N, C-alpha and C. Protein backbone atom coordinates (compact mmCIF):
# COMPACT_ATOMS: atom_id res chain seq x y z
N MET A 1 121.19 94.61 132.42
CA MET A 1 120.83 95.93 132.10
C MET A 1 119.72 96.34 131.80
N ILE A 2 118.60 97.41 132.41
CA ILE A 2 117.29 97.83 131.59
C ILE A 2 117.32 98.23 130.23
N ILE A 3 116.96 98.06 129.77
CA ILE A 3 116.53 98.63 127.92
C ILE A 3 115.49 99.76 127.72
N MET A 4 115.26 100.40 127.74
CA MET A 4 114.26 101.11 126.97
C MET A 4 114.05 100.95 125.14
N SER A 5 113.20 100.08 124.90
CA SER A 5 113.09 100.41 123.16
C SER A 5 112.12 101.74 122.89
N VAL A 6 112.19 102.38 122.15
CA VAL A 6 111.57 103.80 121.83
C VAL A 6 111.01 103.33 119.64
N ASP A 7 109.68 102.96 119.98
CA ASP A 7 108.89 103.07 118.56
C ASP A 7 109.03 104.72 117.93
N PHE A 8 109.36 105.42 117.50
CA PHE A 8 109.35 106.90 116.88
C PHE A 8 108.37 106.81 116.18
N GLY A 9 107.47 107.68 116.61
CA GLY A 9 106.50 108.65 115.37
C GLY A 9 106.22 109.97 115.42
N ASP A 10 105.60 110.42 114.23
CA ASP A 10 105.47 111.52 114.17
C ASP A 10 104.39 112.22 115.23
N VAL A 11 103.36 111.11 115.34
CA VAL A 11 102.15 111.41 116.56
C VAL A 11 101.84 110.90 117.80
N ARG A 12 102.20 109.68 117.43
CA ARG A 12 102.54 108.33 118.50
C ARG A 12 104.05 107.95 118.55
N THR A 13 104.73 107.32 120.22
CA THR A 13 105.78 107.16 120.09
C THR A 13 105.65 105.82 121.08
N GLY A 14 105.84 104.57 120.56
CA GLY A 14 105.76 103.67 121.63
C GLY A 14 106.74 103.10 122.12
N LEU A 15 106.88 102.97 123.90
CA LEU A 15 107.89 102.72 124.48
C LEU A 15 107.79 101.31 125.17
N ALA A 16 109.01 100.25 125.21
CA ALA A 16 108.58 99.24 125.71
C ALA A 16 109.90 99.44 126.76
N VAL A 17 110.29 97.95 127.61
CA VAL A 17 111.31 98.12 128.32
C VAL A 17 111.49 96.67 129.19
N CYS A 18 113.23 96.05 129.04
CA CYS A 18 113.27 94.80 129.12
C CYS A 18 113.66 94.75 130.95
N ASP A 19 113.68 93.40 131.70
CA ASP A 19 114.03 93.39 133.00
C ASP A 19 115.24 93.11 132.88
N LYS A 20 116.09 93.37 133.90
CA LYS A 20 117.15 93.87 134.35
C LYS A 20 117.86 92.35 133.45
N MET A 21 117.78 91.06 133.91
CA MET A 21 118.25 89.96 133.23
C MET A 21 118.17 89.88 131.29
N GLN A 22 117.72 90.90 131.18
CA GLN A 22 116.99 90.90 129.19
C GLN A 22 116.28 89.81 129.07
N ILE A 23 115.37 89.45 129.87
CA ILE A 23 114.51 87.82 129.13
C ILE A 23 113.30 88.20 128.62
N LEU A 24 112.67 89.31 129.67
CA LEU A 24 111.41 89.49 128.73
C LEU A 24 111.17 90.91 128.29
N ALA A 25 110.99 91.80 127.19
CA ALA A 25 110.45 92.76 126.94
C ALA A 25 108.48 93.15 127.39
N SER A 26 108.18 94.06 128.23
CA SER A 26 107.11 94.50 128.35
C SER A 26 106.84 95.82 127.52
N PRO A 27 105.43 95.99 126.89
CA PRO A 27 105.05 97.31 126.40
C PRO A 27 104.93 98.23 128.13
N VAL A 28 105.12 99.61 127.62
CA VAL A 28 105.14 100.60 128.96
C VAL A 28 104.04 101.35 128.37
N CYS A 29 104.12 102.09 127.30
CA CYS A 29 102.72 103.03 126.78
C CYS A 29 103.39 103.51 125.37
N VAL A 30 101.90 104.20 124.95
CA VAL A 30 102.05 104.85 123.97
C VAL A 30 101.97 106.62 124.15
N ILE A 31 102.80 107.00 123.70
CA ILE A 31 103.06 108.79 124.08
C ILE A 31 102.66 109.42 123.04
N THR A 32 101.31 109.96 123.09
CA THR A 32 100.97 111.21 121.98
C THR A 32 101.44 112.56 121.78
N GLU A 33 102.34 112.70 121.12
CA GLU A 33 103.40 113.86 120.81
C GLU A 33 104.28 114.66 119.96
N LYS A 34 103.46 115.24 119.04
CA LYS A 34 104.17 115.67 118.16
C LYS A 34 105.18 116.60 118.63
N ASP A 35 105.57 117.48 119.18
CA ASP A 35 106.75 118.12 119.94
C ASP A 35 107.89 117.29 120.28
N LYS A 36 108.61 117.27 120.27
CA LYS A 36 109.97 116.33 120.12
C LYS A 36 110.61 116.89 121.48
N GLU A 37 110.49 117.99 121.33
CA GLU A 37 111.23 118.60 123.01
C GLU A 37 110.35 117.82 124.21
N LYS A 38 109.21 118.21 124.00
CA LYS A 38 108.15 117.71 124.80
C LYS A 38 108.05 115.71 125.04
N LEU A 39 108.29 115.57 123.75
CA LEU A 39 108.65 114.30 123.53
C LEU A 39 109.34 113.30 124.65
N ILE A 40 110.47 113.99 124.30
CA ILE A 40 111.70 113.43 125.08
C ILE A 40 111.76 113.92 126.63
N GLU A 41 111.07 115.13 127.16
CA GLU A 41 111.10 115.09 128.44
C GLU A 41 109.84 114.02 128.83
N LYS A 42 108.78 113.44 128.26
CA LYS A 42 108.56 112.64 128.57
C LYS A 42 108.97 111.44 129.31
N ILE A 43 109.61 110.63 127.78
CA ILE A 43 110.66 109.96 127.76
C ILE A 43 111.66 109.70 128.66
N LYS A 44 112.22 110.55 129.42
CA LYS A 44 113.59 110.99 130.33
C LYS A 44 112.63 111.17 131.31
N GLU A 45 111.19 111.20 131.84
CA GLU A 45 110.63 111.18 133.23
C GLU A 45 110.50 109.46 133.14
N ILE A 46 110.12 109.10 132.37
CA ILE A 46 109.81 107.88 132.24
C ILE A 46 111.14 106.30 132.67
N SER A 47 112.15 106.78 131.81
CA SER A 47 113.62 106.47 131.80
C SER A 47 113.81 106.04 133.28
N ILE A 48 113.65 107.84 133.58
CA ILE A 48 114.36 108.09 135.47
C ILE A 48 113.17 106.58 136.14
N GLU A 49 112.13 106.59 136.02
CA GLU A 49 111.18 106.06 136.76
C GLU A 49 111.70 104.63 136.51
N ARG A 50 111.92 104.08 135.56
CA ARG A 50 112.25 102.97 134.86
C ARG A 50 113.83 102.27 135.44
N LYS A 51 114.58 103.33 135.61
CA LYS A 51 115.89 102.91 135.56
C LYS A 51 116.89 102.80 134.75
N VAL A 52 116.50 103.30 133.42
CA VAL A 52 116.80 102.76 132.00
C VAL A 52 118.12 102.95 131.73
N GLU A 53 119.20 101.69 131.47
CA GLU A 53 120.66 102.24 131.12
C GLU A 53 120.99 102.67 129.97
N ARG A 54 120.01 101.91 129.20
CA ARG A 54 120.18 102.05 127.25
C ARG A 54 118.75 102.33 126.64
N PHE A 55 119.01 103.45 125.39
CA PHE A 55 117.79 103.27 124.48
C PHE A 55 118.06 102.33 123.63
N CYS A 56 117.36 101.76 123.11
CA CYS A 56 117.33 101.30 121.62
C CYS A 56 116.11 101.53 120.72
N VAL A 57 116.39 102.61 119.69
CA VAL A 57 115.52 103.11 118.84
C VAL A 57 115.23 102.64 117.38
N GLY A 58 113.87 102.58 117.03
CA GLY A 58 113.40 101.49 115.95
C GLY A 58 114.08 102.37 114.81
N VAL A 59 114.51 102.06 113.52
CA VAL A 59 115.34 102.90 112.24
C VAL A 59 114.64 102.39 111.58
N PRO A 60 113.82 102.23 110.53
CA PRO A 60 113.14 101.29 109.77
C PRO A 60 114.15 101.49 108.26
N GLN A 61 114.44 100.54 107.99
CA GLN A 61 114.79 100.08 107.11
C GLN A 61 114.29 99.48 105.72
N ASN A 62 114.64 100.09 104.31
CA ASN A 62 113.94 99.52 103.43
C ASN A 62 113.79 97.83 103.00
N MET A 63 113.20 97.01 102.10
CA MET A 63 113.51 96.37 102.15
C MET A 63 114.74 95.70 100.58
N ASP A 64 115.23 96.52 100.12
CA ASP A 64 116.56 96.29 100.12
C ASP A 64 117.70 97.00 100.58
N GLY A 65 117.21 96.75 101.64
CA GLY A 65 118.36 97.38 102.73
C GLY A 65 118.97 98.67 102.89
N SER A 66 118.40 99.63 101.89
CA SER A 66 118.61 100.74 102.15
C SER A 66 118.06 101.53 103.05
N TYR A 67 118.80 103.17 103.13
CA TYR A 67 117.87 103.64 104.15
C TYR A 67 117.35 105.02 103.52
N GLY A 68 115.99 105.49 103.99
CA GLY A 68 114.96 106.67 103.72
C GLY A 68 115.05 107.65 104.30
N PHE A 69 114.24 108.67 103.99
CA PHE A 69 114.27 109.57 104.96
C PHE A 69 113.85 109.58 106.57
N ARG A 70 112.50 108.80 106.34
CA ARG A 70 112.30 108.38 107.65
C ARG A 70 113.16 107.72 108.73
N SER A 71 114.29 107.31 108.37
CA SER A 71 115.24 106.17 108.74
C SER A 71 116.49 107.44 109.56
N GLU A 72 116.66 108.96 109.07
CA GLU A 72 116.94 110.03 109.13
C GLU A 72 116.85 110.36 110.38
N ALA A 73 115.11 110.88 109.91
CA ALA A 73 114.49 111.10 111.15
C ALA A 73 114.23 110.52 112.63
N CYS A 74 114.43 109.38 112.54
CA CYS A 74 114.90 108.24 113.73
C CYS A 74 116.20 108.63 114.08
N ARG A 75 117.08 108.34 113.71
CA ARG A 75 118.50 108.30 113.93
C ARG A 75 118.48 109.66 114.95
N GLU A 76 118.12 110.98 113.88
CA GLU A 76 118.39 112.50 114.69
C GLU A 76 117.51 112.41 115.74
N PHE A 77 117.09 111.85 116.05
CA PHE A 77 115.71 111.71 117.37
C PHE A 77 116.51 110.90 118.35
N GLY A 78 117.04 109.80 118.05
CA GLY A 78 117.93 108.94 119.39
C GLY A 78 118.79 109.53 119.40
N GLU A 79 119.67 110.61 118.79
CA GLU A 79 121.14 111.12 119.06
C GLU A 79 120.52 112.42 120.20
N LEU A 80 119.63 112.87 119.52
CA LEU A 80 118.85 114.23 120.70
C LEU A 80 118.28 113.45 121.81
N LEU A 81 117.64 112.32 121.94
CA LEU A 81 117.44 111.37 123.16
C LEU A 81 118.62 111.30 123.80
N SER A 82 119.77 110.35 123.50
CA SER A 82 120.54 110.61 124.11
C SER A 82 121.22 111.89 125.04
N GLU A 83 121.42 112.87 123.77
CA GLU A 83 122.37 114.26 124.73
C GLU A 83 121.06 114.90 125.27
N LYS A 84 119.92 114.93 125.57
CA LYS A 84 118.89 115.07 126.71
C LYS A 84 118.86 114.38 127.60
N THR A 85 119.42 113.40 127.96
CA THR A 85 119.01 112.00 128.95
C THR A 85 120.51 111.54 129.32
N GLY A 86 121.40 111.64 128.53
CA GLY A 86 122.62 111.17 128.98
C GLY A 86 122.45 109.93 129.32
N ILE A 87 121.65 109.38 128.40
CA ILE A 87 121.64 107.74 128.24
C ILE A 87 121.61 106.87 127.00
N PRO A 88 122.69 106.03 126.83
CA PRO A 88 123.45 106.08 125.51
C PRO A 88 122.44 105.46 124.90
N VAL A 89 123.00 105.11 123.34
CA VAL A 89 121.93 104.88 122.15
C VAL A 89 122.08 104.00 121.05
N GLU A 90 121.34 102.73 121.10
CA GLU A 90 121.91 102.09 120.17
C GLU A 90 120.53 101.94 118.97
N PHE A 91 120.72 101.73 117.77
CA PHE A 91 119.84 102.00 116.75
C PHE A 91 119.54 100.51 116.37
N GLN A 92 117.99 100.11 115.76
CA GLN A 92 117.88 98.43 115.82
C GLN A 92 116.64 98.58 114.19
N ASN A 93 117.14 98.20 113.28
CA ASN A 93 116.34 97.47 112.26
C ASN A 93 115.09 97.69 112.80
N GLU A 94 113.69 97.96 112.55
CA GLU A 94 112.38 98.20 112.64
C GLU A 94 111.58 97.75 111.82
N ARG A 95 112.07 97.39 110.52
CA ARG A 95 111.56 96.66 109.66
C ARG A 95 110.44 95.61 110.01
N LEU A 96 109.18 96.07 109.09
CA LEU A 96 108.49 95.28 109.49
C LEU A 96 107.60 94.98 111.13
N THR A 97 107.99 95.57 111.82
CA THR A 97 107.45 95.25 113.06
C THR A 97 105.97 95.94 113.16
N THR A 98 105.49 97.04 112.78
CA THR A 98 104.31 97.41 112.61
C THR A 98 103.66 96.73 112.05
N VAL A 99 103.73 95.73 110.80
CA VAL A 99 103.57 94.99 110.16
C VAL A 99 102.85 93.66 111.37
N SER A 100 104.06 93.28 111.83
CA SER A 100 104.34 92.03 113.17
C SER A 100 103.02 92.26 113.76
N ALA A 101 103.18 93.72 114.38
CA ALA A 101 102.12 94.24 115.89
C ALA A 101 100.98 94.25 115.41
N HIS A 102 100.58 94.15 113.47
CA HIS A 102 99.04 94.42 113.56
C HIS A 102 98.30 92.64 113.65
N ASN A 103 99.37 92.21 112.93
CA ASN A 103 99.19 90.65 112.99
C ASN A 103 99.21 90.05 114.74
N ILE A 104 99.86 90.66 115.36
CA ILE A 104 99.36 89.65 117.10
C ILE A 104 98.43 90.48 117.31
N LEU A 105 97.99 91.89 117.06
CA LEU A 105 96.73 92.23 117.72
C LEU A 105 95.38 91.67 116.71
N ASN A 106 96.02 91.19 115.52
CA ASN A 106 94.35 90.58 114.90
C ASN A 106 94.66 89.24 115.66
N THR A 107 95.68 88.55 116.15
CA THR A 107 95.59 87.31 116.78
C THR A 107 94.53 87.45 118.14
N VAL A 108 94.93 88.55 118.78
CA VAL A 108 93.94 88.83 120.24
C VAL A 108 92.75 89.44 119.95
N ASP A 109 92.36 89.90 118.81
CA ASP A 109 90.79 90.76 118.55
C ASP A 109 91.23 91.80 118.66
N VAL A 110 92.15 92.70 118.67
CA VAL A 110 92.44 94.19 119.49
C VAL A 110 91.85 95.04 117.63
N ARG A 111 91.03 95.54 118.49
CA ARG A 111 90.26 96.47 116.90
C ARG A 111 90.45 97.82 116.95
N GLY A 112 90.15 98.54 116.36
CA GLY A 112 89.68 100.24 115.97
C GLY A 112 90.59 101.12 116.85
N LYS A 113 89.92 101.66 118.11
CA LYS A 113 90.49 102.33 118.82
C LYS A 113 91.77 102.23 119.40
N LYS A 114 91.18 100.89 120.41
CA LYS A 114 91.93 100.17 121.29
C LYS A 114 93.40 99.96 120.57
N ARG A 115 92.89 99.57 119.19
CA ARG A 115 94.38 99.21 118.36
C ARG A 115 95.42 100.02 118.06
N LYS A 116 94.85 100.99 118.04
CA LYS A 116 95.72 102.34 117.49
C LYS A 116 96.33 103.05 118.63
N ALA A 117 95.78 102.73 119.84
CA ALA A 117 95.85 103.00 121.42
C ALA A 117 97.47 102.15 121.68
N VAL A 118 97.94 100.72 120.83
CA VAL A 118 98.72 100.26 121.39
C VAL A 118 99.69 99.35 120.66
N VAL A 119 99.53 99.73 119.28
CA VAL A 119 100.03 99.01 117.99
C VAL A 119 101.61 99.19 118.34
N ASP A 120 101.80 100.57 118.68
CA ASP A 120 103.09 101.25 118.86
C ASP A 120 103.85 100.99 119.89
N ALA A 121 103.30 100.36 120.82
CA ALA A 121 103.61 99.58 121.97
C ALA A 121 104.51 98.32 122.00
N VAL A 122 103.49 97.61 121.23
CA VAL A 122 103.84 96.41 120.51
C VAL A 122 104.83 96.41 119.97
N SER A 123 105.08 97.15 118.81
CA SER A 123 105.82 97.30 118.00
C SER A 123 107.12 97.58 118.75
N ALA A 124 107.43 98.43 119.63
CA ALA A 124 108.39 98.70 120.72
C ALA A 124 108.68 97.58 121.41
N VAL A 125 108.07 96.43 121.53
CA VAL A 125 108.55 95.25 122.55
C VAL A 125 109.22 94.49 121.14
N LEU A 126 108.70 94.77 119.81
CA LEU A 126 109.27 93.46 118.50
C LEU A 126 110.42 94.57 118.22
N ILE A 127 110.89 95.37 118.42
CA ILE A 127 112.30 96.15 118.12
C ILE A 127 112.88 95.41 119.77
N LEU A 128 112.55 95.74 120.72
CA LEU A 128 113.70 95.77 122.02
C LEU A 128 113.66 93.99 121.41
N GLU A 129 112.76 92.81 121.39
CA GLU A 129 113.16 91.59 121.49
C GLU A 129 114.03 91.40 120.47
N ASP A 130 114.02 91.96 119.19
CA ASP A 130 115.08 91.62 118.27
C ASP A 130 116.49 92.54 118.61
N TYR A 131 116.28 93.28 119.12
CA TYR A 131 117.62 94.10 119.71
C TYR A 131 118.03 92.85 120.79
N MET A 132 117.24 92.83 121.82
CA MET A 132 117.90 91.64 122.94
C MET A 132 118.59 89.96 121.92
N ASN A 133 118.09 89.76 121.53
CA ASN A 133 118.79 88.35 120.24
C ASN A 133 119.73 88.29 119.88
N SER A 134 120.08 90.33 119.27
CA SER A 134 121.06 90.30 118.52
C SER A 134 122.08 90.63 119.45
N ILE A 135 121.78 91.03 120.62
CA ILE A 135 123.39 91.52 121.45
C ILE A 135 123.66 90.38 122.30
N LYS A 136 122.86 88.87 122.75
CA LYS A 136 123.11 87.80 122.83
C LYS A 136 123.42 86.92 122.00
N ALA A 137 123.55 87.36 120.72
CA ALA A 137 124.28 86.32 119.72
C ALA A 137 125.93 86.39 119.77
């Protein structure tokens, strides 16, 4: 099954996709779009092109296990995405994925504007890897 993860943001949204065997998660792109309807249309186009069968939307969880206002926004976005595309959506804890993505980009010396352009896609890869590990366990 081909799964696409979504690291939803107010301005930038990162996408990643796995292969049919769910072995490898790869970054797809970062979409810069503030309008949710336009963002969903762009994701829908990419999901059709990539033959996506499920979405995995990252939801931030606080360190104490609780969920905040940002979590609500991500869940609402995921539900709207599923409604508009007809593709089921699962949710995955994305706690600290952005921090991990920045650490990875530090390791490979990606800085400045280039980092800003890819950090959300790297976060989406980490969300997807966590999700794939959770469904295999």
